[in-house]
Protein backbone atom coordinates (compact mmCIF):
# COMPACT_ATOMS: atom_id res chain seq x y z
CA MET A 1 18.70 -10.40 -12.57
CA GLU A 2 22.37 -11.23 -11.91
CA MET A 3 23.80 -12.41 -15.24
CA GLU A 4 27.25 -13.67 -14.24
CA ARG A 5 27.63 -17.21 -15.59
CA PRO A 6 28.95 -19.95 -13.30
CA LEU A 7 32.09 -21.79 -14.31
CA GLY A 8 30.58 -25.19 -13.52
CA ARG A 9 27.42 -26.90 -12.34
CA CYS A 10 24.18 -25.12 -11.50
CA ALA A 11 21.25 -26.07 -9.25
CA PHE A 12 17.59 -25.08 -9.15
CA VAL A 13 16.51 -25.02 -5.49
CA THR A 14 12.87 -24.42 -4.57
CA GLY A 15 11.82 -22.83 -1.30
CA ALA A 16 15.33 -21.46 -0.87
CA SER A 17 14.60 -18.25 1.02
CA ARG A 18 14.89 -19.84 4.48
CA GLY A 19 15.29 -23.04 6.46
CA ILE A 20 16.51 -26.16 4.72
CA GLY A 21 16.28 -24.61 1.25
CA ALA A 22 18.53 -21.69 2.16
CA ALA A 23 20.99 -24.02 3.88
CA VAL A 24 21.02 -26.28 0.81
CA ALA A 25 21.82 -23.34 -1.48
CA ILE A 26 24.79 -22.38 0.70
CA ALA A 27 25.97 -26.00 1.03
CA LEU A 28 25.86 -26.41 -2.75
CA ALA A 29 27.82 -23.19 -3.20
CA ARG A 30 30.51 -24.49 -0.87
CA ARG A 31 30.91 -27.39 -3.30
CA GLY A 32 31.14 -25.01 -6.25
CA ILE A 33 27.58 -25.63 -7.47
CA ALA A 34 25.90 -22.30 -8.25
CA PRO A 35 22.30 -22.16 -6.99
CA VAL A 36 19.20 -20.56 -8.43
CA LEU A 37 16.87 -19.66 -5.57
CA ALA A 38 13.36 -20.41 -6.84
CA VAL A 39 10.99 -18.72 -4.39
CA ARG A 40 7.53 -17.19 -4.26
CA LYS A 41 8.84 -13.95 -2.71
CA PRO A 42 12.22 -12.98 -4.22
CA ALA A 43 12.82 -10.23 -1.67
CA ALA A 44 12.84 -12.86 1.10
CA ALA A 45 15.72 -14.71 -0.57
CA GLN A 46 18.16 -11.81 -0.77
CA ALA A 47 20.01 -12.73 2.44
CA THR A 48 20.58 -16.25 1.14
CA ALA A 49 21.73 -14.90 -2.22
CA GLN A 50 24.15 -12.58 -0.46
CA ALA A 51 25.55 -15.48 1.59
CA VAL A 52 26.10 -17.52 -1.59
CA ARG A 53 27.80 -14.65 -3.40
CA GLY A 54 29.93 -14.10 -0.30
CA LEU A 55 31.44 -17.51 -1.03
CA GLY A 56 32.46 -16.29 -4.48
CA VAL A 57 29.72 -18.26 -6.24
CA PRO A 58 27.14 -16.72 -8.62
CA CYS A 59 23.51 -16.82 -7.53
CA LEU A 60 20.19 -16.06 -9.21
CA VAL A 61 16.84 -15.42 -7.55
CA VAL A 62 13.75 -16.23 -9.61
CA CYS A 63 10.07 -15.96 -8.75
CA CYS A 64 8.51 -19.42 -8.73
CA ASP A 65 5.28 -20.87 -7.36
CA VAL A 66 5.80 -24.63 -7.75
CA ALA A 67 2.02 -25.22 -7.88
CA ASP A 68 1.83 -23.19 -11.11
CA PRO A 69 3.21 -25.33 -13.97
CA ALA A 70 3.40 -22.43 -16.43
CA GLY A 71 5.26 -20.33 -13.88
CA VAL A 72 7.66 -23.19 -13.18
CA ARG A 73 8.42 -23.59 -16.88
CA GLN A 74 9.08 -19.86 -17.10
CA SER A 75 11.43 -19.96 -14.09
CA VAL A 76 13.42 -22.87 -15.51
CA ALA A 77 13.59 -21.14 -18.88
CA GLN A 78 14.81 -17.99 -17.13
CA MET A 79 17.62 -19.97 -15.53
CA LEU A 80 18.61 -21.59 -18.80
CA GLU A 81 18.58 -18.28 -20.61
CA ALA A 82 20.82 -16.71 -18.00
CA TRP A 83 23.20 -19.58 -17.31
CA GLY A 84 22.72 -22.05 -20.17
CA ARG A 85 22.60 -25.19 -18.03
CA LEU A 86 20.80 -26.99 -15.21
CA ASP A 87 22.60 -29.83 -13.43
CA VAL A 88 20.76 -30.27 -10.13
CA VAL A 89 17.15 -29.94 -8.98
CA VAL A 90 16.38 -29.77 -5.26
CA ASN A 91 12.65 -29.95 -4.57
CA ASN A 92 12.41 -28.40 -1.13
CA ALA A 93 9.31 -26.18 -1.30
CA GLY A 94 6.53 -27.55 0.87
CA GLN A 95 3.86 -26.86 3.48
CA ILE A 96 2.51 -28.66 6.53
CA ASP A 97 -0.97 -27.13 6.43
CA PRO A 98 -3.77 -28.02 6.71
CA ILE A 99 -3.23 -29.51 10.16
CA GLY A 100 -6.32 -31.21 11.55
CA HIS A 101 -8.29 -34.43 11.55
CA LEU A 102 -9.16 -35.39 7.99
CA GLY A 103 -12.91 -34.86 8.36
CA GLU A 104 -12.36 -31.37 9.74
CA THR A 105 -10.00 -30.10 7.04
CA ASP A 106 -11.02 -27.85 4.18
CA PRO A 107 -11.00 -29.80 0.87
CA ALA A 108 -9.48 -26.88 -1.04
CA ALA A 109 -6.66 -26.52 1.49
CA TRP A 110 -6.07 -30.30 1.43
CA ALA A 111 -5.83 -30.27 -2.37
CA GLN A 112 -3.50 -27.26 -2.25
CA ALA A 113 -1.13 -29.20 0.01
CA ILE A 114 -0.98 -31.98 -2.58
CA ALA A 115 -0.44 -29.36 -5.30
CA VAL A 116 2.55 -27.88 -3.47
CA ASN A 117 4.14 -30.93 -1.81
CA LEU A 118 3.72 -33.45 -4.63
CA VAL A 119 2.53 -31.90 -7.89
CA GLY A 120 4.93 -28.99 -7.39
CA SER A 121 7.91 -31.35 -7.44
CA TYR A 122 6.52 -33.02 -10.56
CA ASN A 123 6.15 -29.60 -12.20
CA VAL A 124 9.80 -28.74 -11.55
CA ILE A 125 11.15 -32.10 -12.69
CA HIS A 126 8.93 -32.07 -15.77
CA ALA A 127 10.24 -28.66 -16.79
CA ALA A 128 13.85 -29.60 -16.02
CA VAL A 129 14.03 -33.05 -17.65
CA PRO A 130 15.50 -31.94 -21.02
CA ALA A 131 18.28 -29.96 -19.32
CA LEU A 132 18.90 -32.72 -16.76
CA LEU A 133 19.27 -35.29 -19.53
CA GLN A 134 21.75 -33.06 -21.32
CA ALA A 135 23.75 -32.49 -18.14
CA GLN A 136 23.45 -36.07 -16.81
CA GLY A 137 22.04 -34.36 -13.76
CA THR A 138 20.62 -35.03 -10.33
CA VAL A 139 17.27 -34.67 -8.57
CA VAL A 140 16.99 -34.54 -4.78
CA ASN A 141 13.47 -34.48 -3.32
CA ILE A 142 13.13 -33.38 0.31
CA SER A 143 11.06 -36.11 1.92
CA THR A 144 9.99 -36.86 5.50
CA GLY A 145 9.47 -39.77 7.84
CA ALA A 146 5.78 -38.88 7.59
CA ALA A 147 5.88 -40.30 4.06
CA HIS A 148 6.11 -43.75 5.61
CA ALA A 149 4.22 -43.43 8.91
CA PRO A 150 0.91 -41.59 9.44
CA ARG A 151 0.80 -38.70 11.88
CA GLU A 152 -2.38 -37.48 13.49
CA GLY A 153 -3.62 -34.31 11.79
CA TRP A 154 -1.21 -34.52 8.89
CA SER A 155 -3.24 -36.48 6.32
CA ALA A 156 -2.47 -34.07 3.47
CA TYR A 157 1.24 -33.80 4.27
CA CYS A 158 1.70 -37.55 4.80
CA SER A 159 -0.20 -38.43 1.63
CA ALA A 160 1.67 -35.92 -0.52
CA LYS A 161 5.08 -36.93 0.77
CA ALA A 162 4.28 -40.64 0.33
CA GLY A 163 3.55 -39.79 -3.28
CA LEU A 164 6.81 -37.84 -3.50
CA ALA A 165 8.77 -40.88 -2.32
CA MET A 166 7.21 -42.87 -5.17
CA LEU A 167 7.91 -40.02 -7.60
CA THR A 168 11.59 -40.28 -6.66
CA ARG A 169 11.51 -43.98 -7.48
CA CYS A 170 9.73 -43.30 -10.78
CA VAL A 171 12.31 -40.72 -11.85
CA ALA A 172 15.10 -43.16 -11.00
CA HIS A 173 13.32 -46.00 -12.80
CA GLU A 174 12.72 -44.02 -15.98
CA TYR A 175 15.82 -41.85 -16.20
CA ASN A 176 18.70 -43.43 -14.28
CA GLY A 177 19.63 -45.43 -17.36
CA ARG A 178 19.82 -42.14 -19.27
CA GLY A 179 22.15 -40.52 -16.76
CA VAL A 180 19.81 -38.76 -14.31
CA ALA A 181 20.21 -39.76 -10.65
CA ALA A 182 17.28 -39.22 -8.26
CA TYR A 183 17.23 -39.40 -4.46
CA GLY A 184 14.85 -38.62 -1.62
CA LEU A 185 16.08 -37.35 1.73
CA GLN A 186 14.21 -37.32 5.03
CA PRO A 187 15.83 -34.46 7.01
CA GLY A 188 14.39 -35.47 10.37
CA LEU A 189 13.21 -32.90 12.91
CA VAL A 190 14.77 -29.61 11.88
CA ASP A 191 14.57 -26.19 13.50
CA THR A 192 12.58 -24.32 10.83
CA GLU A 193 9.48 -22.14 10.57
CA MET A 194 7.49 -25.26 9.66
CA GLN A 195 8.42 -26.74 13.02
CA MET A 196 7.20 -23.54 14.68
CA ARG A 197 3.82 -24.05 12.98
CA ILE A 198 3.80 -27.69 14.11
CA ARG A 199 4.58 -26.77 17.74
CA GLY A 200 1.87 -24.13 17.67
CA SER A 201 -0.73 -26.64 16.50
CA GLY A 202 -0.33 -28.95 19.51
CA MET A 203 -1.23 -31.83 17.17
CA ASN A 204 0.52 -35.21 17.61
CA GLU A 205 3.76 -35.99 19.38
CA ILE A 206 5.97 -34.03 16.97
CA SER A 207 4.49 -30.77 18.28
CA ARG A 208 5.80 -31.61 21.75
CA VAL A 209 9.45 -32.12 20.76
CA PRO A 210 11.49 -29.42 22.55
CA ARG A 211 13.15 -26.95 20.22
CA GLU A 212 16.56 -27.75 21.68
CA ASN A 213 16.16 -31.31 20.33
CA LEU A 214 15.72 -30.13 16.74
CA ALA A 215 18.60 -30.39 14.29
CA PRO A 216 20.05 -27.37 12.47
CA PRO A 217 19.13 -27.13 8.74
CA GLU A 218 22.81 -27.33 7.82
CA ARG A 219 22.96 -31.02 8.74
CA SER A 220 20.46 -32.23 6.16
CA ALA A 221 21.64 -29.58 3.69
CA ALA A 222 25.12 -31.09 3.81
CA VAL A 223 23.70 -34.48 2.82
CA VAL A 224 21.73 -32.95 -0.06
CA ALA A 225 24.83 -31.18 -1.36
CA TRP A 226 26.86 -34.40 -1.09
CA LEU A 227 24.22 -36.33 -3.06
CA ALA A 228 24.22 -33.64 -5.75
CA ASP A 229 28.00 -33.58 -5.90
CA HIS A 230 28.87 -37.29 -5.67
CA ARG A 231 25.73 -38.93 -7.15
CA PRO A 232 26.28 -42.27 -5.34
CA LYS A 233 25.11 -45.06 -7.65
CA ASP A 234 24.17 -47.44 -4.84
CA LEU A 235 21.66 -44.98 -3.35
CA VAL A 236 19.76 -43.96 -6.50
CA GLY A 237 15.97 -44.09 -6.10
CA GLN A 238 16.06 -44.49 -2.34
CA ASP A 239 14.23 -42.37 0.21
CA LEU A 240 17.20 -41.79 2.50
CA THR A 241 17.18 -40.51 6.07
CA VAL A 242 19.57 -38.43 8.14
CA ASN A 243 18.90 -40.94 10.93
CA ASP A 244 21.09 -43.37 9.00
CA VAL A 245 24.44 -42.99 10.78
CA SER A 246 26.35 -44.50 7.88
CA LEU A 247 24.89 -41.90 5.49
CA ILE A 248 25.85 -39.06 7.81
CA GLU A 249 29.38 -40.38 8.12
CA ARG A 250 29.70 -41.04 4.42
CA SER A 251 28.48 -37.56 3.48
CA GLY A 252 30.51 -35.74 6.12
CA ALA A 253 27.33 -34.12 7.43
CA ALA A 254 28.28 -34.76 11.06
CA GLN A 255 30.65 -31.80 10.82
CA ALA A 256 28.07 -29.48 9.24
CA ARG A 257 27.21 -26.31 11.12
């Protein structure tokens, strides 16, 4: 494990081997926030780690299955042992499966989606709370428009993300007065492997959105990094969206590539 200590703030980013998570890690590094890439398969995160280090910012890769609370605690402890601080949590790890009408889904797969998309974020925040309180830190939960509007075939995903939006509000309600800022961010339709799975399913109108109409991950990642860096007081507890033009302008994400 790379032991070089950052000079400043550090972030714990889940699902950071690809897509939005990888883009978030790089966007944070550009703001001088050193990321820990918390992933199920560390080998898959090496390209992201190399990109971060190429910016002159330290980077750690730790093995982390967010659905395993003991494993999450171990991963957070590993970060704290190596770097001695934790300032930012970005809960990005998630899954779209199972896709299908509710009565046709497998109950175990449905429950696993809740475990990853909702309980996983709780597990990370729960493990990180002491360090976040000490650092007066920030939590950013990657949300979705499906948290607020049902989509055919996505009952598990919609339900979990609706719960995540409330979890963001709960963290803000309980900890904002003690210095921890929490935000949700809906990244919109982004060109990721999850969108490939959605297109392949043919389920609901999202699967029919042409790939050329999808946004690059860097756009939403820029907003996440801005929230972590600036911690805007007026937005705490909100489930924000990249479709908010004023947010994009305010964060400078329009220039993100």
